[in-house]
N, C-alpha and C. Protein backbone atom coordinates (compact mmCIF):
# COMPACT_ATOMS: atom_id res chain seq x y z
N MET A 1 0.86 -1.19 0.00
CA MET A 1 0.00 0.00 0.00
C MET A 1 0.89 1.23 0.00
N ASN A 2 0.62 2.19 -0.87
CA ASN A 2 1.43 3.38 -0.97
C ASN A 2 1.19 4.30 0.22
N ALA A 3 2.28 4.87 0.74
CA ALA A 3 2.15 5.80 1.87
C ALA A 3 1.56 7.11 1.37
N LYS A 4 0.77 7.75 2.21
CA LYS A 4 0.18 9.04 1.89
C LYS A 4 1.25 10.12 1.94
N PRO A 5 1.44 10.92 0.90
CA PRO A 5 2.49 11.92 0.90
C PRO A 5 2.24 12.99 1.95
N LEU A 6 3.34 13.49 2.52
CA LEU A 6 3.22 14.55 3.52
C LEU A 6 2.85 15.87 2.88
N VAL A 7 3.27 16.08 1.65
CA VAL A 7 3.01 17.34 0.97
C VAL A 7 2.16 17.09 -0.27
N LYS A 8 1.11 17.88 -0.40
CA LYS A 8 0.25 17.79 -1.56
C LYS A 8 0.37 19.08 -2.36
N GLU A 9 0.73 18.97 -3.62
CA GLU A 9 0.78 20.15 -4.45
C GLU A 9 -0.60 20.41 -5.01
N GLN A 10 -1.05 21.66 -4.90
CA GLN A 10 -2.39 22.00 -5.35
C GLN A 10 -2.33 23.27 -6.18
N LYS A 11 -3.06 23.29 -7.30
CA LYS A 11 -3.26 24.53 -8.03
C LYS A 11 -4.36 25.31 -7.31
N ARG A 12 -4.06 26.54 -6.94
CA ARG A 12 -5.03 27.33 -6.19
C ARG A 12 -5.18 28.68 -6.87
N THR A 13 -6.38 29.22 -6.86
CA THR A 13 -6.60 30.53 -7.44
C THR A 13 -6.39 31.63 -6.41
N PHE A 14 -6.33 31.28 -5.16
CA PHE A 14 -6.09 32.27 -4.11
C PHE A 14 -5.56 31.57 -2.88
N PHE A 15 -4.97 32.34 -1.99
CA PHE A 15 -4.58 31.76 -0.71
C PHE A 15 -5.40 32.41 0.39
N GLU A 16 -5.58 31.72 1.50
CA GLU A 16 -6.63 32.05 2.46
C GLU A 16 -6.16 32.89 3.64
N LEU A 17 -4.92 33.34 3.62
CA LEU A 17 -4.43 34.13 4.74
C LEU A 17 -5.11 35.50 4.75
N GLU A 18 -5.46 35.98 5.94
CA GLU A 18 -6.13 37.27 6.06
C GLU A 18 -5.13 38.38 6.34
N PRO A 19 -5.41 39.60 5.89
CA PRO A 19 -4.53 40.73 6.19
C PRO A 19 -4.30 40.88 7.70
N GLY A 20 -3.07 41.20 8.06
CA GLY A 20 -2.70 41.33 9.46
C GLY A 20 -1.97 40.11 10.00
N GLN A 21 -2.11 38.97 9.32
CA GLN A 21 -1.41 37.77 9.75
C GLN A 21 0.01 37.75 9.16
N PHE A 22 0.83 36.85 9.70
CA PHE A 22 2.25 36.86 9.34
C PHE A 22 2.60 35.79 8.32
N VAL A 23 3.55 36.15 7.46
CA VAL A 23 4.12 35.24 6.49
C VAL A 23 5.61 35.10 6.80
N ASP A 24 6.10 33.89 6.83
CA ASP A 24 7.51 33.62 7.06
C ASP A 24 8.22 33.65 5.70
N LEU A 25 9.23 34.52 5.58
CA LEU A 25 9.94 34.67 4.32
C LEU A 25 11.35 34.10 4.44
N GLN A 26 11.75 33.32 3.44
CA GLN A 26 13.11 32.78 3.39
C GLN A 26 13.74 33.16 2.05
N ILE A 27 14.89 33.82 2.13
CA ILE A 27 15.61 34.29 0.96
C ILE A 27 17.03 33.73 1.03
N HIS A 28 17.54 33.21 -0.06
CA HIS A 28 18.84 32.53 -0.05
C HIS A 28 19.97 33.38 -0.62
N PHE A 29 19.64 34.54 -1.21
CA PHE A 29 20.68 35.36 -1.84
C PHE A 29 20.57 36.80 -1.36
N PRO A 30 21.65 37.45 -0.99
CA PRO A 30 23.06 37.02 -1.05
C PRO A 30 23.48 36.14 0.13
N VAL A 31 22.60 36.04 1.15
CA VAL A 31 22.85 35.15 2.29
C VAL A 31 21.56 34.41 2.59
N ASN A 32 21.68 33.31 3.35
CA ASN A 32 20.48 32.60 3.79
C ASN A 32 19.82 33.41 4.89
N PHE A 33 18.62 33.89 4.64
CA PHE A 33 17.98 34.88 5.50
C PHE A 33 16.52 34.51 5.70
N ARG A 34 16.03 34.65 6.93
CA ARG A 34 14.64 34.29 7.23
C ARG A 34 14.05 35.32 8.20
N ILE A 35 12.84 35.77 7.90
CA ILE A 35 12.20 36.79 8.72
C ILE A 35 10.69 36.73 8.50
N LYS A 36 9.92 37.28 9.44
CA LYS A 36 8.46 37.31 9.32
C LYS A 36 8.01 38.70 8.89
N ALA A 37 6.99 38.75 8.03
CA ALA A 37 6.42 40.01 7.57
C ALA A 37 4.89 39.92 7.61
N ARG A 38 4.26 41.04 7.90
CA ARG A 38 2.80 41.05 8.03
C ARG A 38 2.14 41.26 6.66
N LEU A 39 1.08 40.47 6.41
CA LEU A 39 0.35 40.58 5.16
C LEU A 39 -0.52 41.85 5.16
N ILE A 40 -0.41 42.63 4.09
CA ILE A 40 -1.25 43.82 3.90
C ILE A 40 -2.45 43.51 3.01
N GLY A 41 -2.19 42.78 1.94
CA GLY A 41 -3.27 42.42 1.02
C GLY A 41 -2.70 41.77 -0.23
N TYR A 42 -3.57 41.49 -1.21
CA TYR A 42 -3.13 40.85 -2.44
C TYR A 42 -4.15 41.06 -3.54
N GLU A 43 -3.70 40.90 -4.77
CA GLU A 43 -4.57 40.89 -5.93
C GLU A 43 -4.46 39.51 -6.57
N LEU A 44 -5.58 38.83 -6.73
CA LEU A 44 -5.55 37.47 -7.26
C LEU A 44 -4.84 37.42 -8.61
N GLY A 45 -3.86 36.55 -8.68
CA GLY A 45 -3.12 36.39 -9.92
C GLY A 45 -2.12 37.49 -10.20
N GLY A 46 -2.06 38.50 -9.33
CA GLY A 46 -1.17 39.62 -9.57
C GLY A 46 0.01 39.68 -8.62
N TYR A 47 -0.25 40.09 -7.39
CA TYR A 47 0.84 40.28 -6.44
C TYR A 47 0.32 40.14 -5.01
N ILE A 48 1.26 39.99 -4.09
CA ILE A 48 0.99 39.93 -2.66
C ILE A 48 1.78 41.05 -2.00
N ILE A 49 1.13 41.81 -1.13
CA ILE A 49 1.78 42.96 -0.49
C ILE A 49 2.05 42.65 0.97
N LEU A 50 3.30 42.81 1.38
CA LEU A 50 3.72 42.59 2.76
C LEU A 50 4.32 43.87 3.32
N LYS A 51 4.11 44.12 4.60
CA LYS A 51 4.74 45.27 5.23
C LYS A 51 6.20 44.95 5.50
N HIS A 52 7.09 45.88 5.18
CA HIS A 52 8.52 45.66 5.39
C HIS A 52 8.76 45.37 6.87
N PRO A 53 9.44 44.26 7.21
CA PRO A 53 9.61 43.87 8.62
C PRO A 53 10.53 44.80 9.42
N ALA A 54 11.34 45.63 8.74
CA ALA A 54 12.25 46.54 9.45
C ALA A 54 12.29 47.87 8.69
N PRO A 55 11.18 48.62 8.67
CA PRO A 55 11.11 49.83 7.83
C PRO A 55 12.12 50.90 8.21
N LEU A 56 12.54 50.94 9.47
CA LEU A 56 13.50 51.96 9.90
C LEU A 56 14.94 51.57 9.59
N GLN A 57 15.13 50.33 9.13
CA GLN A 57 16.47 49.85 8.82
C GLN A 57 16.53 49.26 7.41
N MET A 58 15.78 49.86 6.50
CA MET A 58 15.70 49.31 5.15
C MET A 58 17.07 49.22 4.48
N HIS A 59 17.96 50.17 4.80
CA HIS A 59 19.27 50.17 4.16
C HIS A 59 20.06 48.90 4.47
N LYS A 60 19.78 48.28 5.64
CA LYS A 60 20.48 47.06 6.02
C LYS A 60 20.00 45.85 5.21
N TYR A 61 18.83 45.97 4.59
CA TYR A 61 18.23 44.84 3.90
C TYR A 61 18.15 45.06 2.38
N ASN A 62 18.87 46.06 1.88
CA ASN A 62 18.80 46.37 0.45
C ASN A 62 19.17 45.18 -0.43
N ASP A 63 20.19 44.41 -0.02
CA ASP A 63 20.64 43.28 -0.83
C ASP A 63 19.71 42.07 -0.71
N VAL A 64 18.95 42.03 0.38
CA VAL A 64 18.05 40.89 0.62
C VAL A 64 16.72 41.14 -0.06
N PHE A 65 16.08 42.28 0.27
CA PHE A 65 14.81 42.62 -0.34
C PHE A 65 15.07 43.41 -1.62
N LYS A 66 15.61 42.70 -2.61
CA LYS A 66 15.99 43.29 -3.88
C LYS A 66 15.11 42.74 -4.98
N ILE A 67 14.68 43.62 -5.87
CA ILE A 67 13.82 43.19 -6.97
C ILE A 67 14.46 42.04 -7.74
N GLY A 68 13.71 40.98 -7.93
CA GLY A 68 14.19 39.82 -8.65
C GLY A 68 14.64 38.67 -7.76
N ASN A 69 14.91 38.95 -6.48
CA ASN A 69 15.33 37.88 -5.57
C ASN A 69 14.21 36.86 -5.37
N ASP A 70 14.58 35.58 -5.39
CA ASP A 70 13.61 34.52 -5.16
C ASP A 70 13.29 34.41 -3.67
N VAL A 71 12.04 34.05 -3.37
CA VAL A 71 11.55 33.97 -2.00
C VAL A 71 10.76 32.68 -1.82
N VAL A 72 10.94 32.02 -0.67
CA VAL A 72 10.04 30.95 -0.25
C VAL A 72 9.21 31.50 0.90
N ALA A 73 7.90 31.49 0.74
CA ALA A 73 6.99 32.02 1.75
C ALA A 73 6.21 30.89 2.39
N ARG A 74 6.04 30.97 3.71
CA ARG A 74 5.29 29.96 4.45
C ARG A 74 4.32 30.64 5.41
N TYR A 75 3.18 29.99 5.62
CA TYR A 75 2.23 30.50 6.62
C TYR A 75 1.38 29.33 7.12
N ILE A 76 0.79 29.52 8.28
CA ILE A 76 0.01 28.46 8.93
C ILE A 76 -1.45 28.91 9.04
N LEU A 77 -2.34 28.00 8.72
CA LEU A 77 -3.77 28.22 8.93
C LEU A 77 -4.28 27.19 9.92
N GLU A 78 -4.88 27.67 10.98
CA GLU A 78 -5.47 26.76 11.95
C GLU A 78 -6.80 26.26 11.41
N GLY A 79 -7.23 25.12 11.90
CA GLY A 79 -8.48 24.52 11.47
C GLY A 79 -8.61 23.17 12.12
N GLN A 80 -9.42 22.33 11.52
CA GLN A 80 -9.64 21.02 12.12
C GLN A 80 -8.36 20.21 12.20
N LYS A 81 -7.53 20.30 11.20
CA LYS A 81 -6.27 19.58 11.24
C LYS A 81 -5.06 20.49 11.32
N GLY A 82 -5.21 21.75 10.96
CA GLY A 82 -4.09 22.67 10.95
C GLY A 82 -3.21 22.39 9.75
N GLN A 83 -2.88 23.41 8.98
CA GLN A 83 -2.10 23.19 7.77
C GLN A 83 -1.01 24.24 7.63
N CYS A 84 0.12 23.81 7.11
CA CYS A 84 1.22 24.70 6.77
C CYS A 84 1.25 24.85 5.25
N PHE A 85 1.24 26.09 4.76
CA PHE A 85 1.26 26.36 3.33
C PHE A 85 2.59 26.97 2.95
N ALA A 86 3.04 26.71 1.73
CA ALA A 86 4.30 27.26 1.25
C ALA A 86 4.22 27.48 -0.25
N PHE A 87 4.89 28.52 -0.71
CA PHE A 87 4.97 28.76 -2.15
C PHE A 87 6.27 29.50 -2.48
N LYS A 88 6.69 29.35 -3.74
CA LYS A 88 7.87 30.05 -4.24
C LYS A 88 7.42 31.28 -5.03
N SER A 89 8.16 32.36 -4.87
CA SER A 89 7.82 33.60 -5.55
C SER A 89 9.09 34.41 -5.77
N SER A 90 8.93 35.64 -6.17
CA SER A 90 10.07 36.56 -6.30
C SER A 90 9.61 37.96 -5.95
N ILE A 91 10.56 38.81 -5.60
CA ILE A 91 10.25 40.19 -5.22
C ILE A 91 10.06 41.01 -6.49
N GLU A 92 8.87 41.59 -6.63
CA GLU A 92 8.53 42.38 -7.81
C GLU A 92 8.86 43.85 -7.63
N TYR A 93 8.70 44.33 -6.37
CA TYR A 93 8.89 45.76 -6.14
C TYR A 93 8.99 46.01 -4.64
N VAL A 94 9.72 47.03 -4.26
CA VAL A 94 9.81 47.47 -2.86
C VAL A 94 9.48 48.96 -2.83
N SER A 95 8.40 49.33 -2.16
CA SER A 95 7.99 50.74 -2.12
C SER A 95 8.57 51.43 -0.90
N HIS A 96 8.76 52.73 -1.02
CA HIS A 96 9.25 53.55 0.08
C HIS A 96 8.20 54.56 0.54
N LEU A 97 7.33 54.97 -0.36
CA LEU A 97 6.29 55.94 -0.06
C LEU A 97 4.97 55.46 -0.65
N PRO A 98 3.84 55.69 0.01
CA PRO A 98 3.72 56.33 1.34
C PRO A 98 4.08 55.39 2.49
N GLU A 99 4.16 54.07 2.19
CA GLU A 99 4.57 53.08 3.19
C GLU A 99 5.66 52.20 2.60
N LYS A 100 6.37 51.52 3.47
CA LYS A 100 7.46 50.63 3.04
C LYS A 100 6.89 49.22 2.92
N PHE A 101 6.58 48.83 1.70
CA PHE A 101 5.96 47.55 1.42
C PHE A 101 6.83 46.72 0.48
N ILE A 102 6.65 45.38 0.57
CA ILE A 102 7.31 44.44 -0.33
C ILE A 102 6.24 43.78 -1.18
N TYR A 103 6.42 43.80 -2.49
CA TYR A 103 5.47 43.21 -3.41
C TYR A 103 6.05 41.89 -3.94
N LEU A 104 5.33 40.79 -3.70
CA LEU A 104 5.74 39.49 -4.21
C LEU A 104 4.88 39.12 -5.41
N ARG A 105 5.48 38.44 -6.38
CA ARG A 105 4.71 37.90 -7.49
C ARG A 105 3.73 36.86 -6.97
N TYR A 106 2.49 36.93 -7.44
CA TYR A 106 1.49 35.96 -7.00
C TYR A 106 1.91 34.55 -7.45
N PRO A 107 1.86 33.55 -6.54
CA PRO A 107 2.40 32.22 -6.88
C PRO A 107 1.54 31.46 -7.89
N ASP A 108 2.22 30.61 -8.67
CA ASP A 108 1.51 29.74 -9.61
C ASP A 108 0.84 28.58 -8.88
N LYS A 109 1.43 28.12 -7.79
CA LYS A 109 0.84 27.04 -7.01
C LYS A 109 1.29 27.17 -5.56
N ILE A 110 0.50 26.58 -4.69
CA ILE A 110 0.78 26.61 -3.26
C ILE A 110 0.76 25.17 -2.75
N GLU A 111 1.79 24.79 -2.03
CA GLU A 111 1.86 23.45 -1.44
C GLU A 111 1.36 23.51 0.00
N ASN A 112 0.81 22.41 0.46
CA ASN A 112 0.36 22.40 1.85
C ASN A 112 0.53 21.00 2.45
N ARG A 113 0.66 20.97 3.76
CA ARG A 113 0.68 19.69 4.47
C ARG A 113 -0.04 19.86 5.80
N GLU A 114 -0.68 18.78 6.22
CA GLU A 114 -1.41 18.79 7.48
C GLU A 114 -0.43 18.68 8.63
N LEU A 115 -0.67 19.47 9.68
CA LEU A 115 0.23 19.49 10.82
C LEU A 115 -0.13 18.46 11.88
N ARG A 116 -1.37 17.99 11.86
CA ARG A 116 -1.81 17.08 12.91
C ARG A 116 -2.26 15.77 12.31
N ALA A 117 -1.97 14.68 13.02
CA ALA A 117 -2.38 13.36 12.55
C ALA A 117 -3.86 13.12 12.81
N GLN A 118 -4.42 13.85 13.78
CA GLN A 118 -5.81 13.60 14.17
C GLN A 118 -6.63 14.88 14.04
N GLN A 119 -7.79 14.75 13.47
CA GLN A 119 -8.66 15.90 13.26
C GLN A 119 -9.16 16.45 14.58
N ARG A 120 -9.25 17.79 14.66
CA ARG A 120 -9.78 18.43 15.86
C ARG A 120 -11.19 18.95 15.63
N VAL A 121 -11.93 19.10 16.72
CA VAL A 121 -13.29 19.62 16.68
C VAL A 121 -13.26 21.06 17.19
N SER A 122 -13.89 21.96 16.44
CA SER A 122 -13.93 23.36 16.83
C SER A 122 -14.78 23.55 18.07
N THR A 123 -14.30 24.38 19.00
CA THR A 123 -15.05 24.70 20.22
C THR A 123 -14.85 26.18 20.53
N HIS A 124 -15.49 26.63 21.56
CA HIS A 124 -15.21 27.95 22.14
C HIS A 124 -15.40 27.79 23.65
N LEU A 125 -14.47 27.04 24.24
CA LEU A 125 -14.62 26.58 25.61
C LEU A 125 -13.74 27.40 26.54
N PRO A 126 -14.33 28.15 27.48
CA PRO A 126 -13.51 28.91 28.43
C PRO A 126 -12.60 27.98 29.22
N ALA A 127 -11.36 28.41 29.39
CA ALA A 127 -10.37 27.60 30.12
C ALA A 127 -9.25 28.51 30.57
N CYS A 128 -8.31 27.95 31.30
CA CYS A 128 -7.10 28.69 31.65
C CYS A 128 -5.95 27.69 31.71
N ILE A 129 -4.73 28.21 31.60
CA ILE A 129 -3.56 27.37 31.73
C ILE A 129 -2.68 27.91 32.85
N GLN A 130 -2.07 26.99 33.59
CA GLN A 130 -1.15 27.34 34.67
C GLN A 130 0.09 26.47 34.57
N SER A 131 1.22 27.08 34.85
CA SER A 131 2.48 26.32 34.83
C SER A 131 2.51 25.31 35.97
N ILE A 132 3.30 24.26 35.74
CA ILE A 132 3.51 23.26 36.77
C ILE A 132 4.87 23.51 37.42
N SER A 133 4.87 23.65 38.73
CA SER A 133 6.11 23.92 39.45
C SER A 133 6.96 22.66 39.53
N ASP A 134 8.18 22.82 40.03
CA ASP A 134 9.09 21.67 40.15
C ASP A 134 8.52 20.58 41.05
N SER A 135 7.65 20.98 41.99
CA SER A 135 7.06 20.00 42.90
C SER A 135 5.84 19.31 42.30
N GLY A 136 5.42 19.78 41.09
CA GLY A 136 4.28 19.16 40.44
C GLY A 136 2.96 19.84 40.73
N SER A 137 2.98 20.94 41.48
CA SER A 137 1.75 21.66 41.82
C SER A 137 1.56 22.85 40.88
N LEU A 138 0.38 23.48 40.99
CA LEU A 138 0.09 24.64 40.16
C LEU A 138 0.89 25.85 40.63
N SER A 139 1.45 26.60 39.67
CA SER A 139 2.13 27.84 40.03
C SER A 139 1.09 28.94 40.20
N LYS A 140 1.53 30.12 40.58
CA LYS A 140 0.61 31.24 40.79
C LYS A 140 0.21 31.90 39.48
N ASN A 141 1.02 31.74 38.45
CA ASN A 141 0.72 32.38 37.16
C ASN A 141 -0.38 31.63 36.43
N LYS A 142 -1.42 32.38 36.03
CA LYS A 142 -2.56 31.79 35.34
C LYS A 142 -2.93 32.66 34.14
N ILE A 143 -3.24 32.01 33.02
CA ILE A 143 -3.65 32.73 31.81
C ILE A 143 -5.07 32.28 31.45
N ASN A 144 -5.97 33.23 31.36
CA ASN A 144 -7.35 32.94 31.00
C ASN A 144 -7.55 33.08 29.49
N GLY A 145 -8.34 32.20 28.92
CA GLY A 145 -8.61 32.26 27.49
C GLY A 145 -9.68 31.27 27.10
N VAL A 146 -9.61 30.80 25.86
CA VAL A 146 -10.58 29.81 25.37
C VAL A 146 -9.84 28.72 24.60
N VAL A 147 -10.41 27.53 24.61
CA VAL A 147 -9.94 26.44 23.77
C VAL A 147 -10.72 26.50 22.46
N ALA A 148 -10.01 26.76 21.35
CA ALA A 148 -10.65 26.97 20.06
C ALA A 148 -10.93 25.67 19.32
N ASP A 149 -10.09 24.65 19.55
CA ASP A 149 -10.36 23.34 18.97
C ASP A 149 -9.67 22.29 19.83
N ILE A 150 -10.15 21.05 19.71
CA ILE A 150 -9.69 20.01 20.63
C ILE A 150 -9.78 18.64 19.98
N SER A 151 -8.90 17.74 20.40
CA SER A 151 -8.95 16.32 20.03
C SER A 151 -8.37 15.55 21.21
N PRO A 152 -8.42 14.22 21.17
CA PRO A 152 -7.80 13.46 22.27
C PRO A 152 -6.30 13.72 22.41
N LYS A 153 -5.67 14.22 21.34
CA LYS A 153 -4.22 14.44 21.36
C LYS A 153 -3.82 15.82 21.84
N GLY A 154 -4.75 16.79 21.81
CA GLY A 154 -4.36 18.13 22.23
C GLY A 154 -5.42 19.16 21.90
N CYS A 155 -5.05 20.43 22.06
CA CYS A 155 -5.98 21.51 21.82
C CYS A 155 -5.22 22.78 21.41
N ARG A 156 -5.98 23.76 20.93
CA ARG A 156 -5.43 25.08 20.64
C ARG A 156 -6.05 26.07 21.61
N PHE A 157 -5.22 26.67 22.43
CA PHE A 157 -5.66 27.62 23.46
C PHE A 157 -5.33 29.03 22.98
N ILE A 158 -6.28 29.96 23.11
CA ILE A 158 -6.11 31.33 22.63
C ILE A 158 -6.38 32.32 23.76
N PHE A 159 -5.54 33.32 23.87
CA PHE A 159 -5.82 34.41 24.81
C PHE A 159 -5.41 35.74 24.19
N LYS A 160 -6.03 36.83 24.67
CA LYS A 160 -5.76 38.16 24.13
C LYS A 160 -4.46 38.71 24.70
N ALA A 161 -3.75 39.49 23.87
CA ALA A 161 -2.50 40.10 24.31
C ALA A 161 -2.28 41.39 23.51
N ASP A 162 -1.82 42.42 24.19
CA ASP A 162 -1.55 43.70 23.53
C ASP A 162 -0.13 43.77 22.97
N ASN A 163 0.76 42.96 23.49
CA ASN A 163 2.17 43.00 23.13
C ASN A 163 2.48 41.87 22.15
N ASN A 164 2.98 42.20 20.97
CA ASN A 164 3.26 41.16 19.97
C ASN A 164 4.50 40.33 20.28
N GLN A 165 5.19 40.67 21.38
CA GLN A 165 6.35 39.89 21.81
C GLN A 165 5.98 38.77 22.78
N ILE A 166 4.73 38.77 23.21
CA ILE A 166 4.30 37.78 24.20
C ILE A 166 4.18 36.40 23.57
N LYS A 167 4.70 35.40 24.26
CA LYS A 167 4.52 34.02 23.84
C LYS A 167 4.60 33.13 25.08
N VAL A 168 4.18 31.90 24.92
CA VAL A 168 4.22 30.93 26.03
C VAL A 168 5.34 29.95 25.73
N ASN A 169 6.27 29.82 26.64
CA ASN A 169 7.40 28.93 26.44
C ASN A 169 6.97 27.47 26.44
N LYS A 170 7.76 26.62 25.79
CA LYS A 170 7.50 25.19 25.81
C LYS A 170 7.74 24.67 27.23
N LYS A 171 6.69 24.19 27.88
CA LYS A 171 6.79 23.71 29.25
C LYS A 171 5.55 22.90 29.59
N SER A 172 5.60 22.28 30.76
CA SER A 172 4.45 21.52 31.25
C SER A 172 3.46 22.47 31.92
N VAL A 173 2.18 22.25 31.66
CA VAL A 173 1.13 23.10 32.22
C VAL A 173 -0.05 22.23 32.65
N PHE A 174 -0.96 22.84 33.38
CA PHE A 174 -2.29 22.28 33.58
C PHE A 174 -3.25 23.10 32.74
N VAL A 175 -4.13 22.43 32.00
CA VAL A 175 -5.23 23.10 31.33
C VAL A 175 -6.45 22.89 32.21
N ILE A 176 -7.06 23.99 32.65
CA ILE A 176 -8.11 23.92 33.66
C ILE A 176 -9.46 24.27 33.04
N PHE A 177 -10.41 23.36 33.17
CA PHE A 177 -11.75 23.53 32.62
C PHE A 177 -12.78 23.57 33.74
N GLN A 178 -13.78 24.44 33.60
CA GLN A 178 -14.93 24.45 34.49
C GLN A 178 -15.96 23.47 33.95
N MET A 179 -16.32 22.48 34.75
CA MET A 179 -17.17 21.39 34.27
C MET A 179 -18.64 21.54 34.66
N GLY A 180 -18.97 22.67 35.28
CA GLY A 180 -20.35 22.85 35.74
C GLY A 180 -20.52 22.37 37.17
N GLU A 181 -21.50 22.96 37.85
CA GLU A 181 -21.80 22.61 39.24
C GLU A 181 -20.57 22.77 40.13
N GLY A 182 -19.72 23.73 39.78
CA GLY A 182 -18.55 24.02 40.60
C GLY A 182 -17.40 23.04 40.44
N LYS A 183 -17.53 22.09 39.53
CA LYS A 183 -16.47 21.10 39.34
C LYS A 183 -15.38 21.65 38.40
N VAL A 184 -14.15 21.33 38.72
CA VAL A 184 -13.01 21.77 37.93
C VAL A 184 -12.20 20.56 37.50
N LEU A 185 -11.75 20.58 36.25
CA LEU A 185 -10.93 19.49 35.74
C LEU A 185 -9.56 20.05 35.35
N ASN A 186 -8.51 19.53 35.99
CA ASN A 186 -7.13 19.93 35.70
C ASN A 186 -6.46 18.84 34.87
N ILE A 187 -6.11 19.16 33.64
CA ILE A 187 -5.48 18.18 32.76
C ILE A 187 -4.01 18.54 32.56
N PRO A 188 -3.09 17.68 32.96
CA PRO A 188 -1.67 17.95 32.69
C PRO A 188 -1.39 17.84 31.20
N ALA A 189 -0.57 18.76 30.70
CA ALA A 189 -0.29 18.80 29.26
C ALA A 189 1.06 19.49 29.04
N ASP A 190 1.44 19.58 27.77
CA ASP A 190 2.71 20.22 27.40
C ASP A 190 2.48 21.24 26.30
N VAL A 191 3.03 22.44 26.49
CA VAL A 191 2.99 23.46 25.45
C VAL A 191 4.01 23.10 24.38
N ARG A 192 3.56 23.04 23.12
CA ARG A 192 4.44 22.66 22.00
C ARG A 192 4.82 23.85 21.13
N ASN A 193 3.95 24.84 21.03
CA ASN A 193 4.28 26.02 20.23
C ASN A 193 3.41 27.19 20.66
N SER A 194 3.81 28.38 20.25
CA SER A 194 3.09 29.59 20.62
C SER A 194 3.41 30.67 19.61
N ARG A 195 2.40 31.42 19.18
CA ARG A 195 2.65 32.53 18.26
C ARG A 195 1.58 33.61 18.42
N TYR A 196 2.01 34.83 18.18
CA TYR A 196 1.12 36.00 18.28
C TYR A 196 0.54 36.33 16.92
N GLU A 197 -0.78 36.57 16.88
CA GLU A 197 -1.43 36.97 15.64
C GLU A 197 -2.59 37.90 15.94
N SER A 198 -2.50 39.13 15.44
CA SER A 198 -3.62 40.07 15.45
C SER A 198 -4.26 40.23 16.82
N GLY A 199 -3.44 40.50 17.84
CA GLY A 199 -3.96 40.76 19.17
C GLY A 199 -4.25 39.53 20.00
N LYS A 200 -3.90 38.35 19.48
CA LYS A 200 -4.15 37.11 20.22
C LYS A 200 -2.92 36.22 20.16
N VAL A 201 -2.76 35.39 21.19
CA VAL A 201 -1.68 34.41 21.21
C VAL A 201 -2.30 33.02 21.06
N ASN A 202 -1.84 32.28 20.04
CA ASN A 202 -2.29 30.91 19.83
C ASN A 202 -1.27 29.96 20.44
N VAL A 203 -1.74 29.06 21.31
CA VAL A 203 -0.86 28.14 22.00
C VAL A 203 -1.25 26.70 21.63
N GLY A 204 -0.31 25.98 21.05
CA GLY A 204 -0.53 24.58 20.73
C GLY A 204 -0.19 23.70 21.92
N ILE A 205 -1.14 22.90 22.37
CA ILE A 205 -0.98 22.11 23.59
C ILE A 205 -1.21 20.63 23.28
N GLN A 206 -0.34 19.79 23.82
CA GLN A 206 -0.43 18.34 23.60
C GLN A 206 -0.89 17.64 24.86
N PHE A 207 -1.89 16.75 24.71
CA PHE A 207 -2.35 15.91 25.80
C PHE A 207 -1.71 14.53 25.71
N ASP A 208 -1.74 13.82 26.82
CA ASP A 208 -1.52 12.37 26.83
C ASP A 208 -2.90 11.74 26.71
N ASP A 209 -3.25 11.23 25.52
CA ASP A 209 -4.61 10.75 25.30
C ASP A 209 -4.97 9.53 26.13
N ALA A 210 -3.97 8.93 26.77
CA ALA A 210 -4.26 7.81 27.65
C ALA A 210 -4.67 8.27 29.05
N ASN A 211 -4.51 9.56 29.32
CA ASN A 211 -4.88 10.10 30.63
C ASN A 211 -6.40 10.04 30.79
N PRO A 212 -6.91 9.44 31.86
CA PRO A 212 -8.36 9.33 32.03
C PRO A 212 -9.06 10.68 32.13
N GLN A 213 -8.33 11.72 32.55
CA GLN A 213 -8.95 13.05 32.63
C GLN A 213 -9.29 13.58 31.24
N VAL A 214 -8.49 13.22 30.24
CA VAL A 214 -8.81 13.62 28.88
C VAL A 214 -10.11 12.96 28.44
N GLN A 215 -10.26 11.69 28.74
CA GLN A 215 -11.49 10.99 28.39
C GLN A 215 -12.70 11.57 29.13
N THR A 216 -12.48 12.00 30.37
CA THR A 216 -13.56 12.65 31.13
C THR A 216 -14.01 13.93 30.44
N LEU A 217 -13.04 14.73 29.97
CA LEU A 217 -13.37 15.97 29.28
C LEU A 217 -14.11 15.68 27.98
N LEU A 218 -13.64 14.72 27.19
CA LEU A 218 -14.28 14.40 25.93
C LEU A 218 -15.71 13.90 26.14
N LYS A 219 -15.89 13.14 27.20
CA LYS A 219 -17.25 12.66 27.52
C LYS A 219 -18.15 13.82 27.90
N TYR A 220 -17.62 14.78 28.66
CA TYR A 220 -18.38 15.96 29.05
C TYR A 220 -18.78 16.78 27.82
N LEU A 221 -17.91 16.81 26.80
CA LEU A 221 -18.17 17.54 25.57
C LEU A 221 -18.92 16.71 24.54
N LEU A 222 -19.33 15.50 24.94
CA LEU A 222 -20.04 14.55 24.06
C LEU A 222 -19.16 14.12 22.89
N LEU A 223 -17.86 14.02 23.15
CA LEU A 223 -16.91 13.61 22.12
C LEU A 223 -16.21 12.31 22.49
N ASP A 224 -16.80 11.55 23.41
CA ASP A 224 -16.11 10.35 23.91
C ASP A 224 -16.02 9.24 22.87
N ASN A 225 -16.82 9.32 21.79
CA ASN A 225 -16.71 8.32 20.72
C ASN A 225 -15.85 8.84 19.57
N TYR A 226 -15.16 9.92 19.83
CA TYR A 226 -14.37 10.58 18.79
C TYR A 226 -13.12 9.80 18.45
């Protein structure tokens, strides 16, 4: 039986990233260089506009963000399975006025691969996360937010943040759910990734699906046959 490929090449007429979200740019000439830039907008089949990631230091990046340089762009879309998208392009133009923008040629095709082996179910479940101390107990630091999607393997936790530098380090945490009638469920888990997008921090959290507390939560959410 043939293995399912990790990457599927697809012809697409548009890409689904919304303005304000980040695109990871990788440029190999004149040096191997990687940086994130915020999406401003795009014209289907024409170009993609990104805000220059260092507008006050454009002179330092003249050789990198140069017309004609090839670019590999990557971005992530959350969803039931979560997907990473990538495409090859080139720099068409760099504007200085009225804003410092980078124009990429619209890609001929976009590749994508699923990030998760198991499909998640969308939710909007109030929860909080707390760090686990060296003794195994809850620390004093608590972050309130919502669980946006969930599966037996993990969940995506979101909270609001004003500072785009805020992130949650990879560490062990408790994910705390209110179960009704004053009952609280503390599920031990591990933070796997964290990123800031448009005033919110998305935190990828992994469960041990063999933990009976995970099964208790899924049963409470009517997902125990999932």
